[in-house]
Amino acid sequence: MISYEAFRAEVERRKRERWPAILASEPPGRAPGRRPRDSEKERLLLRLDRLRLEQRSRDASLRVRQDPRDGD
């Protein structure tokens, strides 16, 4: 039987060997391993990302900062 540490070391070794090939196969301009290869799903996720970023910027502009002089 193989020890857990030996197993983890083997998994890490395989990742180091395979990761450059995985990165090279991804199209440029895309976060590696983050997106599906289906173009319809890609469009949907891009749309959702844009909506999320717009919402985040709207929320940030609505935040009210407390004036330090109002603390008294």
PDB file of N, CA and C in Angstrom:
ATOM      1  N   MET A   1       0.840  -1.160   0.000  1.00  0.00           N
ATOM      2  CA  MET A   1       0.000   0.000   0.000  1.00  0.00           C
ATOM      3  C   MET A   1       0.901   1.245   0.000  1.00  0.00           C
ATOM      4  N   ILE A   2       0.433   2.312  -0.659  1.00  0.00           N
ATOM      5  CA  ILE A   2       1.194   3.557  -0.765  1.00  0.00           C
ATOM      6  C   ILE A   2       0.735   4.525   0.331  1.00  0.00           C
ATOM      7  N   SER A   3       1.668   5.276   0.880  1.00  0.00           N
ATOM      8  CA  SER A   3       1.302   6.232   1.933  1.00  0.00           C
ATOM      9  C   SER A   3       0.600   7.443   1.316  1.00  0.00           C
ATOM     10  N   TYR A   4      -0.131   8.141   2.141  1.00  0.00           N
ATOM     11  CA  TYR A   4      -0.850   9.329   1.672  1.00  0.00           C
ATOM     12  C   TYR A   4       0.133  10.385   1.163  1.00  0.00           C
ATOM     13  N   GLU A   5       1.231  10.575   1.860  1.00  0.00           N
ATOM     14  CA  GLU A   5       2.221  11.560   1.453  1.00  0.00           C
ATOM     15  C   GLU A   5       2.813  11.224   0.085  1.00  0.00           C
ATOM     16  N   ALA A   6       3.096   9.935  -0.142  1.00  0.00           N
ATOM     17  CA  ALA A   6       3.620   9.507  -1.440  1.00  0.00           C
ATOM     18  C   ALA A   6       2.576   9.716  -2.534  1.00  0.00           C
ATOM     19  N   PHE A   7       1.324   9.434  -2.227  1.00  0.00           N
ATOM     20  CA  PHE A   7       0.236   9.638  -3.181  1.00  0.00           C
ATOM     21  C   PHE A   7       0.130  11.116  -3.554  1.00  0.00           C
ATOM     22  N   ARG A   8       0.127  12.017  -2.542  1.00  0.00           N
ATOM     23  CA  ARG A   8       0.026  13.461  -2.793  1.00  0.00           C
ATOM     24  C   ARG A   8       1.224  13.954  -3.610  1.00  0.00           C
ATOM     25  N   ALA A   9       2.407  13.434  -3.308  1.00  0.00           N
ATOM     26  CA  ALA A   9       3.600  13.828  -4.055  1.00  0.00           C
ATOM     27  C   ALA A   9       3.467  13.419  -5.524  1.00  0.00           C
ATOM     28  N   GLU A  10       2.934  12.237  -5.776  1.00  0.00           N
ATOM     29  CA  GLU A  10       2.733  11.770  -7.154  1.00  0.00           C
ATOM     30  C   GLU A  10       1.700  12.629  -7.876  1.00  0.00           C
ATOM     31  N   VAL A  11       0.620  12.980  -7.204  1.00  0.00           N
ATOM     32  CA  VAL A  11      -0.405  13.829  -7.809  1.00  0.00           C
ATOM     33  C   VAL A  11       0.193  15.196  -8.163  1.00  0.00           C
ATOM     34  N   GLU A  12       0.958  15.773  -7.257  1.00  0.00           N
ATOM     35  CA  GLU A  12       1.582  17.071  -7.516  1.00  0.00           C
ATOM     36  C   GLU A  12       2.579  16.985  -8.666  1.00  0.00           C
ATOM     37  N   ARG A  13       3.325  15.902  -8.741  1.00  0.00           N
ATOM     38  CA  ARG A  13       4.275  15.721  -9.844  1.00  0.00           C
ATOM     39  C   ARG A  13       3.544  15.674 -11.171  1.00  0.00           C
ATOM     40  N   ARG A  14       2.436  14.921 -11.220  1.00  0.00           N
ATOM     41  CA  ARG A  14       1.652  14.830 -12.458  1.00  0.00           C
ATOM     42  C   ARG A  14       1.064  16.173 -12.847  1.00  0.00           C
ATOM     43  N   LYS A  15       0.592  16.926 -11.862  1.00  0.00           N
ATOM     44  CA  LYS A  15       0.053  18.263 -12.157  1.00  0.00           C
ATOM     45  C   LYS A  15       1.129  19.148 -12.775  1.00  0.00           C
ATOM     46  N   ARG A  16       2.327  19.139 -12.192  1.00  0.00           N
ATOM     47  CA  ARG A  16       3.419  19.958 -12.724  1.00  0.00           C
ATOM     48  C   ARG A  16       3.767  19.562 -14.148  1.00  0.00           C
ATOM     49  N   GLU A  17       3.690  18.280 -14.464  1.00  0.00           N
ATOM     50  CA  GLU A  17       3.996  17.812 -15.815  1.00  0.00           C
ATOM     51  C   GLU A  17       2.913  18.202 -16.810  1.00  0.00           C
ATOM     52  N   ARG A  18       1.660  18.137 -16.404  1.00  0.00           N
ATOM     53  CA  ARG A  18       0.540  18.323 -17.334  1.00  0.00           C
ATOM     54  C   ARG A  18       0.053  19.755 -17.459  1.00  0.00           C
ATOM     55  N   TRP A  19       0.277  20.566 -16.419  1.00  0.00           N
ATOM     56  CA  TRP A  19      -0.283  21.913 -16.418  1.00  0.00           C
ATOM     57  C   TRP A  19       0.197  22.767 -17.593  1.00  0.00           C
ATOM     58  N   PRO A  20       1.470  22.739 -18.000  1.00  0.00           N
ATOM     59  CA  PRO A  20       1.879  23.550 -19.163  1.00  0.00           C
ATOM     60  C   PRO A  20       1.111  23.186 -20.435  1.00  0.00           C
ATOM     61  N   ALA A  21       0.854  21.908 -20.642  1.00  0.00           N
ATOM     62  CA  ALA A  21       0.091  21.494 -21.834  1.00  0.00           C
ATOM     63  C   ALA A  21      -1.356  21.980 -21.746  1.00  0.00           C
ATOM     64  N   ILE A  22      -1.924  21.950 -20.552  1.00  0.00           N
ATOM     65  CA  ILE A  22      -3.297  22.428 -20.371  1.00  0.00           C
ATOM     66  C   ILE A  22      -3.359  23.922 -20.657  1.00  0.00           C
ATOM     67  N   LEU A  23      -2.419  24.676 -20.115  1.00  0.00           N
ATOM     68  CA  LEU A  23      -2.401  26.118 -20.358  1.00  0.00           C
ATOM     69  C   LEU A  23      -2.196  26.435 -21.831  1.00  0.00           C
ATOM     70  N   ALA A  24      -1.339  25.691 -22.492  1.00  0.00           N
ATOM     71  CA  ALA A  24      -1.067  25.933 -23.913  1.00  0.00           C
ATOM     72  C   ALA A  24      -2.287  25.647 -24.781  1.00  0.00           C
ATOM     73  N   SER A  25      -3.176  24.764 -24.327  1.00  0.00           N
ATOM     74  CA  SER A  25      -4.345  24.415 -25.134  1.00  0.00           C
ATOM     75  C   SER A  25      -5.487  25.419 -24.982  1.00  0.00           C
ATOM     76  N   GLU A  26      -5.421  26.292 -23.969  1.00  0.00           N
ATOM     77  CA  GLU A  26      -6.472  27.286 -23.760  1.00  0.00           C
ATOM     78  C   GLU A  26      -6.308  28.428 -24.749  1.00  0.00           C
ATOM     79  N   PRO A  27      -7.426  28.947 -25.263  1.00  0.00           N
ATOM     80  CA  PRO A  27      -7.328  30.107 -26.156  1.00  0.00           C
ATOM     81  C   PRO A  27      -6.821  31.330 -25.391  1.00  0.00           C
ATOM     82  N   PRO A  28      -6.143  32.252 -26.069  1.00  0.00           N
ATOM     83  CA  PRO A  28      -5.638  33.442 -25.383  1.00  0.00           C
ATOM     84  C   PRO A  28      -6.784  34.327 -24.889  1.00  0.00           C
ATOM     85  N   GLY A  29      -6.532  35.035 -23.805  1.00  0.00           N
ATOM     86  CA  GLY A  29      -7.523  35.955 -23.288  1.00  0.00           C
ATOM     87  C   GLY A  29      -8.587  35.316 -22.426  1.00  0.00           C
ATOM     88  N   ARG A  30      -8.370  34.106 -22.025  1.00  0.00           N
ATOM     89  CA  ARG A  30      -9.364  33.397 -21.232  1.00  0.00           C
ATOM     90  C   ARG A  30      -8.685  32.821 -19.994  1.00  0.00           C
ATOM     91  N   ALA A  31      -9.343  32.944 -18.855  1.00  0.00           N
ATOM     92  CA  ALA A  31      -8.768  32.393 -17.627  1.00  0.00           C
ATOM     93  C   ALA A  31      -8.697  30.878 -17.737  1.00  0.00           C
ATOM     94  N   PRO A  32      -7.527  30.274 -17.540  1.00  0.00           N
ATOM     95  CA  PRO A  32      -7.377  28.827 -17.715  1.00  0.00           C
ATOM     96  C   PRO A  32      -8.251  28.032 -16.765  1.00  0.00           C
ATOM     97  N   GLY A  33      -8.959  27.088 -17.326  1.00  0.00           N
ATOM     98  CA  GLY A  33      -9.762  26.170 -16.530  1.00  0.00           C
ATOM     99  C   GLY A  33     -11.007  26.782 -15.932  1.00  0.00           C
ATOM    100  N   ARG A  34     -11.290  28.030 -16.212  1.00  0.00           N
ATOM    101  CA  ARG A  34     -12.422  28.690 -15.572  1.00  0.00           C
ATOM    102  C   ARG A  34     -13.706  28.536 -16.381  1.00  0.00           C
ATOM    103  N   ARG A  35     -13.592  28.416 -17.665  1.00  0.00           N
ATOM    104  CA  ARG A  35     -14.759  28.451 -18.516  1.00  0.00           C
ATOM    105  C   ARG A  35     -14.990  27.133 -19.260  1.00  0.00           C
ATOM    106  N   PRO A  36     -16.248  26.852 -19.558  1.00  0.00           N
ATOM    107  CA  PRO A  36     -16.540  25.670 -20.371  1.00  0.00           C
ATOM    108  C   PRO A  36     -16.129  25.906 -21.821  1.00  0.00           C
ATOM    109  N   ARG A  37     -15.985  24.857 -22.559  1.00  0.00           N
ATOM    110  CA  ARG A  37     -15.611  24.980 -23.967  1.00  0.00           C
ATOM    111  C   ARG A  37     -16.827  25.181 -24.866  1.00  0.00           C
ATOM    112  N   ASP A  38     -18.007  25.044 -24.325  1.00  0.00           N
ATOM    113  CA  ASP A  38     -19.235  25.258 -25.087  1.00  0.00           C
ATOM    114  C   ASP A  38     -19.435  26.754 -25.296  1.00  0.00           C
ATOM    115  N   SER A  39     -19.540  27.193 -26.549  1.00  0.00           N
ATOM    116  CA  SER A  39     -19.625  28.627 -26.832  1.00  0.00           C
ATOM    117  C   SER A  39     -20.904  29.255 -26.281  1.00  0.00           C
ATOM    118  N   GLU A  40     -22.001  28.530 -26.253  1.00  0.00           N
ATOM    119  CA  GLU A  40     -23.243  29.076 -25.695  1.00  0.00           C
ATOM    120  C   GLU A  40     -23.109  29.305 -24.184  1.00  0.00           C
ATOM    121  N   LYS A  41     -22.518  28.352 -23.490  1.00  0.00           N
ATOM    122  CA  LYS A  41     -22.283  28.530 -22.054  1.00  0.00           C
ATOM    123  C   LYS A  41     -21.297  29.671 -21.810  1.00  0.00           C
ATOM    124  N   GLU A  42     -20.317  29.784 -22.687  1.00  0.00           N
ATOM    125  CA  GLU A  42     -19.331  30.863 -22.574  1.00  0.00           C
ATOM    126  C   GLU A  42     -20.029  32.223 -22.665  1.00  0.00           C
ATOM    127  N   ARG A  43     -20.919  32.385 -23.647  1.00  0.00           N
ATOM    128  CA  ARG A  43     -21.652  33.645 -23.799  1.00  0.00           C
ATOM    129  C   ARG A  43     -22.492  33.944 -22.564  1.00  0.00           C
ATOM    130  N   LEU A  44     -23.164  32.927 -22.043  1.00  0.00           N
ATOM    131  CA  LEU A  44     -23.989  33.112 -20.856  1.00  0.00           C
ATOM    132  C   LEU A  44     -23.139  33.545 -19.659  1.00  0.00           C
ATOM    133  N   LEU A  45     -22.011  32.889 -19.452  1.00  0.00           N
ATOM    134  CA  LEU A  45     -21.154  33.238 -18.325  1.00  0.00           C
ATOM    135  C   LEU A  45     -20.556  34.632 -18.473  1.00  0.00           C
ATOM    136  N   LEU A  46     -20.195  35.018 -19.686  1.00  0.00           N
ATOM    137  CA  LEU A  46     -19.692  36.373 -19.910  1.00  0.00           C
ATOM    138  C   LEU A  46     -20.764  37.410 -19.591  1.00  0.00           C
ATOM    139  N   ARG A  47     -21.987  37.126 -20.008  1.00  0.00           N
ATOM    140  CA  ARG A  47     -23.106  38.043 -19.720  1.00  0.00           C
ATOM    141  C   ARG A  47     -23.328  38.154 -18.212  1.00  0.00           C
ATOM    142  N   LEU A  48     -23.313  37.020 -17.531  1.00  0.00           N
ATOM    143  CA  LEU A  48     -23.497  37.037 -16.084  1.00  0.00           C
ATOM    144  C   LEU A  48     -22.356  37.772 -15.381  1.00  0.00           C
ATOM    145  N   ASP A  49     -21.120  37.597 -15.871  1.00  0.00           N
ATOM    146  CA  ASP A  49     -19.979  38.313 -15.293  1.00  0.00           C
ATOM    147  C   ASP A  49     -20.148  39.816 -15.464  1.00  0.00           C
ATOM    148  N   ARG A  50     -20.558  40.236 -16.660  1.00  0.00           N
ATOM    149  CA  ARG A  50     -20.745  41.675 -16.891  1.00  0.00           C
ATOM    150  C   ARG A  50     -21.838  42.243 -16.001  1.00  0.00           C
ATOM    151  N   LEU A  51     -22.945  41.516 -15.856  1.00  0.00           N
ATOM    152  CA  LEU A  51     -24.026  41.973 -14.979  1.00  0.00           C
ATOM    153  C   LEU A  51     -23.559  42.068 -13.531  1.00  0.00           C
ATOM    154  N   ARG A  52     -22.785  41.077 -13.093  1.00  0.00           N
ATOM    155  CA  ARG A  52     -22.278  41.076 -11.728  1.00  0.00           C
ATOM    156  C   ARG A  52     -21.350  42.265 -11.489  1.00  0.00           C
ATOM    157  N   LEU A  53     -20.481  42.568 -12.471  1.00  0.00           N
ATOM    158  CA  LEU A  53     -19.576  43.705 -12.330  1.00  0.00           C
ATOM    159  C   LEU A  53     -20.334  45.031 -12.336  1.00  0.00           C
ATOM    160  N   GLU A  54     -21.370  45.138 -13.175  1.00  0.00           N
ATOM    161  CA  GLU A  54     -22.187  46.350 -13.184  1.00  0.00           C
ATOM    162  C   GLU A  54     -22.888  46.534 -11.844  1.00  0.00           C
ATOM    163  N   GLN A  55     -23.421  45.443 -11.309  1.00  0.00           N
ATOM    164  CA  GLN A  55     -24.101  45.513 -10.012  1.00  0.00           C
ATOM    165  C   GLN A  55     -23.124  45.923  -8.916  1.00  0.00           C
ATOM    166  N   ARG A  56     -21.931  45.375  -8.955  1.00  0.00           N
ATOM    167  CA  ARG A  56     -20.922  45.705  -7.957  1.00  0.00           C
ATOM    168  C   ARG A  56     -20.573  47.190  -8.020  1.00  0.00           C
ATOM    169  N   SER A  57     -20.428  47.736  -9.243  1.00  0.00           N
ATOM    170  CA  SER A  57     -20.083  49.159  -9.352  1.00  0.00           C
ATOM    171  C   SER A  57     -21.249  50.034  -8.920  1.00  0.00           C
ATOM    172  N   ARG A  58     -22.499  49.615  -9.200  1.00  0.00           N
ATOM    173  CA  ARG A  58     -23.661  50.376  -8.728  1.00  0.00           C
ATOM    174  C   ARG A  58     -23.722  50.356  -7.210  1.00  0.00           C
ATOM    175  N   ASP A  59     -23.488  49.196  -6.615  1.00  0.00           N
ATOM    176  CA  ASP A  59     -23.516  49.079  -5.161  1.00  0.00           C
ATOM    177  C   ASP A  59     -22.423  49.938  -4.523  1.00  0.00           C
ATOM    178  N   ALA A  60     -21.263  49.971  -5.144  1.00  0.00           N
ATOM    179  CA  ALA A  60     -20.162  50.761  -4.598  1.00  0.00           C
ATOM    180  C   ALA A  60     -20.485  52.249  -4.653  1.00  0.00           C
ATOM    181  N   SER A  61     -21.194  52.678  -5.682  1.00  0.00           N
ATOM    182  CA  SER A  61     -21.513  54.104  -5.784  1.00  0.00           C
ATOM    183  C   SER A  61     -22.623  54.498  -4.815  1.00  0.00           C
ATOM    184  N   LEU A  62     -23.386  53.542  -4.310  1.00  0.00           N
ATOM    185  CA  LEU A  62     -24.476  53.836  -3.390  1.00  0.00           C
ATOM    186  C   LEU A  62     -24.045  53.815  -1.932  1.00  0.00           C
ATOM    187  N   ARG A  63     -22.849  53.329  -1.662  1.00  0.00           N
ATOM    188  CA  ARG A  63     -22.398  53.247  -0.280  1.00  0.00           C
ATOM    189  C   ARG A  63     -22.262  54.632   0.325  1.00  0.00           C
ATOM    190  N   VAL A  64     -22.713  54.738   1.542  1.00  0.00           N
ATOM    191  CA  VAL A  64     -22.641  56.012   2.251  1.00  0.00           C
ATOM    192  C   VAL A  64     -21.511  55.925   3.263  1.00  0.00           C
ATOM    193  N   ARG A  65     -20.663  56.903   3.213  1.00  0.00           N
ATOM    194  CA  ARG A  65     -19.558  56.948   4.174  1.00  0.00           C
ATOM    195  C   ARG A  65     -19.950  57.858   5.318  1.00  0.00           C
ATOM    196  N   GLN A  66     -19.658  57.404   6.501  1.00  0.00           N
ATOM    197  CA  GLN A  66     -19.962  58.210   7.680  1.00  0.00           C
ATOM    198  C   GLN A  66     -18.895  59.283   7.831  1.00  0.00           C
ATOM    199  N   ASP A  67     -19.341  60.481   8.064  1.00  0.00           N
ATOM    200  CA  ASP A  67     -18.425  61.589   8.274  1.00  0.00           C
ATOM    201  C   ASP A  67     -17.825  61.455   9.668  1.00  0.00           C
ATOM    202  N   PRO A  68     -16.478  61.455   9.794  1.00  0.00           N
ATOM    203  CA  PRO A  68     -15.876  61.271  11.112  1.00  0.00           C
ATOM    204  C   PRO A  68     -16.309  62.354  12.108  1.00  0.00           C
ATOM    205  N   ARG A  69     -16.703  63.513  11.610  1.00  0.00           N
ATOM    206  CA  ARG A  69     -17.138  64.592  12.488  1.00  0.00           C
ATOM    207  C   ARG A  69     -18.505  64.292  13.121  1.00  0.00           C
ATOM    208  N   ASP A  70     -19.281  63.357  12.512  1.00  0.00           N
ATOM    209  CA  ASP A  70     -20.612  63.014  13.036  1.00  0.00           C
ATOM    210  C   ASP A  70     -20.535  62.059  14.206  1.00  0.00           C
ATOM    211  N   GLY A  71     -19.367  61.582  14.569  1.00  0.00           N
ATOM    212  CA  GLY A  71     -19.227  60.593  15.647  1.00  0.00           C
ATOM    213  C   GLY A  71     -19.489  61.153  17.024  1.00  0.00           C
ATOM    214  N   ASP A  72     -19.486  62.446  17.194  1.00  0.00           N
ATOM    215  CA  ASP A  72     -19.659  63.046  18.523  1.00  0.00           C
ATOM    216  C   ASP A  72     -21.099  63.181  18.891  1.00  0.00           C
TER     217      ASP A  72
END
